[in-house]
Amino acid sequence: MDSKVLQSDKTRFEARLSANQKATFERAANLGGYRSLSDFVVTTVQEKAKEIIHEHELILASQKDSEIFFNAILNASNPSDKLASAAKKYNELYSK
């Protein structure tokens, strides 16, 4: 058996709070059924972080989609023969 000590992948995070903030957070943790103030803070911050990241990724995707769309409009190539033929047939059928 290996005698090396297994190290946890956990790291420490410290924050300075006012007494009022700490009391508020502890009350919320108790009311929310969290095991500890640390559990409450980590869970809450993790949820908010995921929400912020998701919103940011949606904005980036939306910006990229807009760029692709407007690039396609501004740099449109001529229609293919099939598309031109289809448009002509449509106009013949529905422009009467």
N, C-alpha and C. Protein backbone atom coordinates (compact mmCIF):
# COMPACT_ATOMS: atom_id res chain seq x y z
N MET A 1 0.84 -1.18 0.00
CA MET A 1 0.00 0.00 0.00
C MET A 1 0.88 1.23 0.00
N ASP A 2 0.49 2.22 -0.80
CA ASP A 2 1.25 3.46 -0.92
C ASP A 2 1.10 4.27 0.37
N SER A 3 2.21 4.78 0.86
CA SER A 3 2.16 5.52 2.12
C SER A 3 1.95 7.02 1.92
N LYS A 4 1.78 7.44 0.67
CA LYS A 4 1.54 8.86 0.41
C LYS A 4 0.16 9.26 0.95
N VAL A 5 0.10 10.45 1.46
CA VAL A 5 -1.17 10.99 1.97
C VAL A 5 -1.96 11.55 0.79
N LEU A 6 -3.21 11.12 0.69
CA LEU A 6 -4.07 11.65 -0.36
C LEU A 6 -4.51 13.06 0.02
N GLN A 7 -4.33 13.99 -0.93
CA GLN A 7 -4.73 15.36 -0.66
C GLN A 7 -6.10 15.64 -1.27
N SER A 8 -6.87 16.41 -0.55
CA SER A 8 -8.20 16.79 -1.03
C SER A 8 -8.06 17.82 -2.13
N ASP A 9 -9.03 17.83 -3.05
CA ASP A 9 -9.03 18.82 -4.11
C ASP A 9 -9.72 20.11 -3.67
N LYS A 10 -10.05 20.22 -2.40
CA LYS A 10 -10.73 21.39 -1.89
C LYS A 10 -9.72 22.49 -1.55
N THR A 11 -10.20 23.72 -1.66
CA THR A 11 -9.37 24.87 -1.33
C THR A 11 -10.18 25.78 -0.42
N ARG A 12 -9.52 26.69 0.22
CA ARG A 12 -10.17 27.57 1.19
C ARG A 12 -10.49 28.92 0.56
N PHE A 13 -11.61 29.50 0.98
CA PHE A 13 -12.02 30.83 0.54
C PHE A 13 -12.39 31.61 1.80
N GLU A 14 -11.84 32.79 1.93
CA GLU A 14 -12.14 33.61 3.10
C GLU A 14 -12.75 34.92 2.65
N ALA A 15 -13.65 35.44 3.47
CA ALA A 15 -14.26 36.73 3.18
C ALA A 15 -14.51 37.46 4.50
N ARG A 16 -14.35 38.74 4.48
CA ARG A 16 -14.64 39.55 5.66
C ARG A 16 -16.07 40.06 5.54
N LEU A 17 -16.82 39.87 6.61
CA LEU A 17 -18.22 40.29 6.66
C LEU A 17 -18.44 41.18 7.86
N SER A 18 -19.43 42.04 7.74
CA SER A 18 -19.84 42.79 8.92
C SER A 18 -20.61 41.82 9.83
N ALA A 19 -20.75 42.19 11.07
CA ALA A 19 -21.50 41.35 12.01
C ALA A 19 -22.94 41.20 11.53
N ASN A 20 -23.50 42.27 10.98
CA ASN A 20 -24.87 42.24 10.48
C ASN A 20 -25.00 41.28 9.29
N GLN A 21 -24.05 41.35 8.38
CA GLN A 21 -24.07 40.43 7.23
C GLN A 21 -23.99 38.99 7.69
N LYS A 22 -23.08 38.71 8.59
CA LYS A 22 -22.91 37.34 9.07
C LYS A 22 -24.19 36.84 9.74
N ALA A 23 -24.80 37.69 10.57
CA ALA A 23 -26.04 37.29 11.25
C ALA A 23 -27.15 37.02 10.22
N THR A 24 -27.25 37.87 9.20
CA THR A 24 -28.26 37.68 8.16
C THR A 24 -28.03 36.39 7.41
N PHE A 25 -26.80 36.14 7.03
CA PHE A 25 -26.47 34.93 6.29
C PHE A 25 -26.71 33.68 7.13
N GLU A 26 -26.34 33.74 8.41
CA GLU A 26 -26.57 32.59 9.29
C GLU A 26 -28.06 32.32 9.46
N ARG A 27 -28.85 33.38 9.58
CA ARG A 27 -30.30 33.21 9.71
C ARG A 27 -30.87 32.57 8.45
N ALA A 28 -30.44 33.05 7.28
CA ALA A 28 -30.91 32.48 6.02
C ALA A 28 -30.49 31.02 5.90
N ALA A 29 -29.27 30.71 6.32
CA ALA A 29 -28.80 29.33 6.26
C ALA A 29 -29.64 28.43 7.14
N ASN A 30 -29.96 28.90 8.33
CA ASN A 30 -30.80 28.11 9.25
C ASN A 30 -32.20 27.94 8.69
N LEU A 31 -32.79 29.02 8.21
CA LEU A 31 -34.14 28.96 7.66
C LEU A 31 -34.20 28.09 6.41
N GLY A 32 -33.12 28.10 5.64
CA GLY A 32 -33.07 27.31 4.41
C GLY A 32 -32.71 25.85 4.62
N GLY A 33 -32.40 25.48 5.84
CA GLY A 33 -32.09 24.08 6.14
C GLY A 33 -30.69 23.65 5.73
N TYR A 34 -29.79 24.60 5.57
CA TYR A 34 -28.41 24.27 5.22
C TYR A 34 -27.68 23.76 6.44
N ARG A 35 -26.68 22.91 6.22
CA ARG A 35 -25.93 22.32 7.32
C ARG A 35 -25.10 23.35 8.06
N SER A 36 -24.64 24.36 7.34
CA SER A 36 -23.76 25.36 7.95
C SER A 36 -23.79 26.64 7.13
N LEU A 37 -23.21 27.67 7.68
CA LEU A 37 -23.09 28.93 6.94
C LEU A 37 -22.24 28.71 5.70
N SER A 38 -21.17 27.95 5.83
CA SER A 38 -20.32 27.66 4.67
C SER A 38 -21.08 26.95 3.57
N ASP A 39 -21.89 25.96 3.94
CA ASP A 39 -22.69 25.21 2.97
C ASP A 39 -23.66 26.16 2.25
N PHE A 40 -24.30 27.05 3.02
CA PHE A 40 -25.22 28.03 2.44
C PHE A 40 -24.50 28.95 1.45
N VAL A 41 -23.37 29.49 1.88
CA VAL A 41 -22.63 30.43 1.03
C VAL A 41 -22.14 29.75 -0.24
N VAL A 42 -21.55 28.58 -0.11
CA VAL A 42 -21.01 27.88 -1.28
C VAL A 42 -22.13 27.51 -2.24
N THR A 43 -23.23 26.97 -1.73
CA THR A 43 -24.34 26.57 -2.59
C THR A 43 -24.95 27.77 -3.30
N THR A 44 -25.19 28.83 -2.55
CA THR A 44 -25.81 30.03 -3.11
C THR A 44 -24.91 30.70 -4.15
N VAL A 45 -23.65 30.83 -3.82
CA VAL A 45 -22.71 31.46 -4.75
C VAL A 45 -22.53 30.60 -6.00
N GLN A 46 -22.49 29.30 -5.84
CA GLN A 46 -22.34 28.41 -6.99
C GLN A 46 -23.54 28.54 -7.93
N GLU A 47 -24.75 28.59 -7.37
CA GLU A 47 -25.95 28.75 -8.20
C GLU A 47 -25.91 30.08 -8.96
N LYS A 48 -25.54 31.15 -8.26
CA LYS A 48 -25.48 32.47 -8.89
C LYS A 48 -24.38 32.50 -9.95
N ALA A 49 -23.26 31.86 -9.70
CA ALA A 49 -22.17 31.82 -10.68
C ALA A 49 -22.61 31.10 -11.94
N LYS A 50 -23.31 29.98 -11.79
CA LYS A 50 -23.81 29.25 -12.96
C LYS A 50 -24.78 30.10 -13.76
N GLU A 51 -25.65 30.85 -13.06
CA GLU A 51 -26.62 31.72 -13.72
C GLU A 51 -25.92 32.82 -14.51
N ILE A 52 -24.92 33.45 -13.91
CA ILE A 52 -24.18 34.52 -14.58
C ILE A 52 -23.45 33.98 -15.80
N ILE A 53 -22.81 32.84 -15.66
CA ILE A 53 -22.08 32.23 -16.78
C ILE A 53 -23.04 31.88 -17.90
N HIS A 54 -24.19 31.30 -17.57
CA HIS A 54 -25.19 30.93 -18.57
C HIS A 54 -25.68 32.17 -19.33
N GLU A 55 -26.00 33.23 -18.60
CA GLU A 55 -26.45 34.47 -19.24
C GLU A 55 -25.38 35.02 -20.17
N HIS A 56 -24.14 35.00 -19.72
CA HIS A 56 -23.03 35.50 -20.53
C HIS A 56 -22.87 34.68 -21.80
N GLU A 57 -22.99 33.36 -21.68
CA GLU A 57 -22.86 32.49 -22.86
C GLU A 57 -24.00 32.72 -23.83
N LEU A 58 -25.21 33.00 -23.32
CA LEU A 58 -26.35 33.30 -24.19
C LEU A 58 -26.12 34.60 -24.96
N ILE A 59 -25.57 35.59 -24.27
CA ILE A 59 -25.28 36.87 -24.92
C ILE A 59 -24.24 36.68 -26.01
N LEU A 60 -23.18 35.93 -25.71
CA LEU A 60 -22.14 35.69 -26.70
C LEU A 60 -22.70 34.92 -27.90
N ALA A 61 -23.54 33.93 -27.63
CA ALA A 61 -24.13 33.15 -28.73
C ALA A 61 -25.04 34.04 -29.56
N SER A 62 -25.80 34.90 -28.91
CA SER A 62 -26.70 35.81 -29.61
C SER A 62 -25.90 36.78 -30.48
N GLN A 63 -24.80 37.30 -29.94
CA GLN A 63 -23.96 38.21 -30.72
C GLN A 63 -23.36 37.49 -31.92
N LYS A 64 -22.92 36.27 -31.72
CA LYS A 64 -22.33 35.49 -32.82
C LYS A 64 -23.39 35.20 -33.88
N ASP A 65 -24.61 34.84 -33.45
CA ASP A 65 -25.70 34.59 -34.39
C ASP A 65 -26.02 35.85 -35.19
N SER A 66 -26.02 36.99 -34.53
CA SER A 66 -26.28 38.26 -35.22
C SER A 66 -25.22 38.54 -36.27
N GLU A 67 -23.96 38.31 -35.90
CA GLU A 67 -22.87 38.53 -36.85
C GLU A 67 -23.03 37.63 -38.07
N ILE A 68 -23.35 36.37 -37.84
CA ILE A 68 -23.52 35.42 -38.95
C ILE A 68 -24.68 35.86 -39.84
N PHE A 69 -25.80 36.24 -39.22
CA PHE A 69 -27.00 36.65 -39.97
C PHE A 69 -26.71 37.89 -40.83
N PHE A 70 -26.17 38.93 -40.20
CA PHE A 70 -25.93 40.16 -40.94
C PHE A 70 -24.82 39.99 -41.98
N ASN A 71 -23.85 39.17 -41.69
CA ASN A 71 -22.81 38.88 -42.68
C ASN A 71 -23.42 38.18 -43.89
N ALA A 72 -24.35 37.27 -43.65
CA ALA A 72 -25.01 36.57 -44.76
C ALA A 72 -25.84 37.54 -45.60
N ILE A 73 -26.49 38.51 -44.95
CA ILE A 73 -27.29 39.49 -45.70
C ILE A 73 -26.39 40.44 -46.48
N LEU A 74 -25.38 40.96 -45.80
CA LEU A 74 -24.52 41.97 -46.44
C LEU A 74 -23.61 41.38 -47.51
N ASN A 75 -23.29 40.12 -47.40
CA ASN A 75 -22.38 39.48 -48.35
C ASN A 75 -23.06 38.32 -49.08
N ALA A 76 -24.33 38.53 -49.39
CA ALA A 76 -25.10 37.47 -50.03
C ALA A 76 -24.58 37.20 -51.44
N SER A 77 -24.53 35.94 -51.77
CA SER A 77 -24.13 35.57 -53.12
C SER A 77 -25.38 35.52 -54.00
N ASN A 78 -25.21 35.43 -55.29
CA ASN A 78 -26.34 35.33 -56.21
C ASN A 78 -27.07 34.01 -55.98
N PRO A 79 -28.38 34.02 -56.19
CA PRO A 79 -29.13 32.77 -55.97
C PRO A 79 -28.70 31.69 -56.97
N SER A 80 -28.78 30.46 -56.51
CA SER A 80 -28.45 29.34 -57.39
C SER A 80 -29.52 29.22 -58.46
N ASP A 81 -29.25 28.43 -59.49
CA ASP A 81 -30.22 28.22 -60.57
C ASP A 81 -31.51 27.62 -60.03
N LYS A 82 -31.40 26.68 -59.09
CA LYS A 82 -32.58 26.04 -58.51
C LYS A 82 -33.44 27.06 -57.75
N LEU A 83 -32.78 27.92 -56.98
CA LEU A 83 -33.52 28.92 -56.22
C LEU A 83 -34.19 29.93 -57.16
N ALA A 84 -33.48 30.36 -58.18
CA ALA A 84 -34.05 31.30 -59.15
C ALA A 84 -35.25 30.67 -59.86
N SER A 85 -35.14 29.40 -60.22
CA SER A 85 -36.23 28.69 -60.88
C SER A 85 -37.43 28.57 -59.95
N ALA A 86 -37.18 28.25 -58.70
CA ALA A 86 -38.26 28.13 -57.72
C ALA A 86 -38.95 29.47 -57.51
N ALA A 87 -38.19 30.54 -57.44
CA ALA A 87 -38.77 31.88 -57.27
C ALA A 87 -39.62 32.25 -58.48
N LYS A 88 -39.14 31.91 -59.66
CA LYS A 88 -39.89 32.21 -60.88
C LYS A 88 -41.22 31.45 -60.88
N LYS A 89 -41.18 30.17 -60.53
CA LYS A 89 -42.40 29.36 -60.48
C LYS A 89 -43.38 29.92 -59.44
N TYR A 90 -42.87 30.31 -58.30
CA TYR A 90 -43.71 30.88 -57.25
C TYR A 90 -44.40 32.14 -57.75
N ASN A 91 -43.63 33.02 -58.36
CA ASN A 91 -44.19 34.27 -58.87
C ASN A 91 -45.25 34.02 -59.95
N GLU A 92 -45.01 33.02 -60.79
CA GLU A 92 -45.99 32.69 -61.84
C GLU A 92 -47.30 32.17 -61.23
N LEU A 93 -47.19 31.40 -60.16
CA LEU A 93 -48.37 30.82 -59.53
C LEU A 93 -49.16 31.82 -58.68
N TYR A 94 -48.47 32.68 -57.97
CA TYR A 94 -49.14 33.51 -56.97
C TYR A 94 -49.22 34.99 -57.30
N SER A 95 -48.72 35.42 -58.44
CA SER A 95 -48.79 36.85 -58.77
C SER A 95 -49.99 37.19 -59.65
N LYS A 96 -50.88 36.27 -59.84
CA LYS A 96 -52.06 36.50 -60.70
C LYS A 96 -53.16 37.15 -59.95
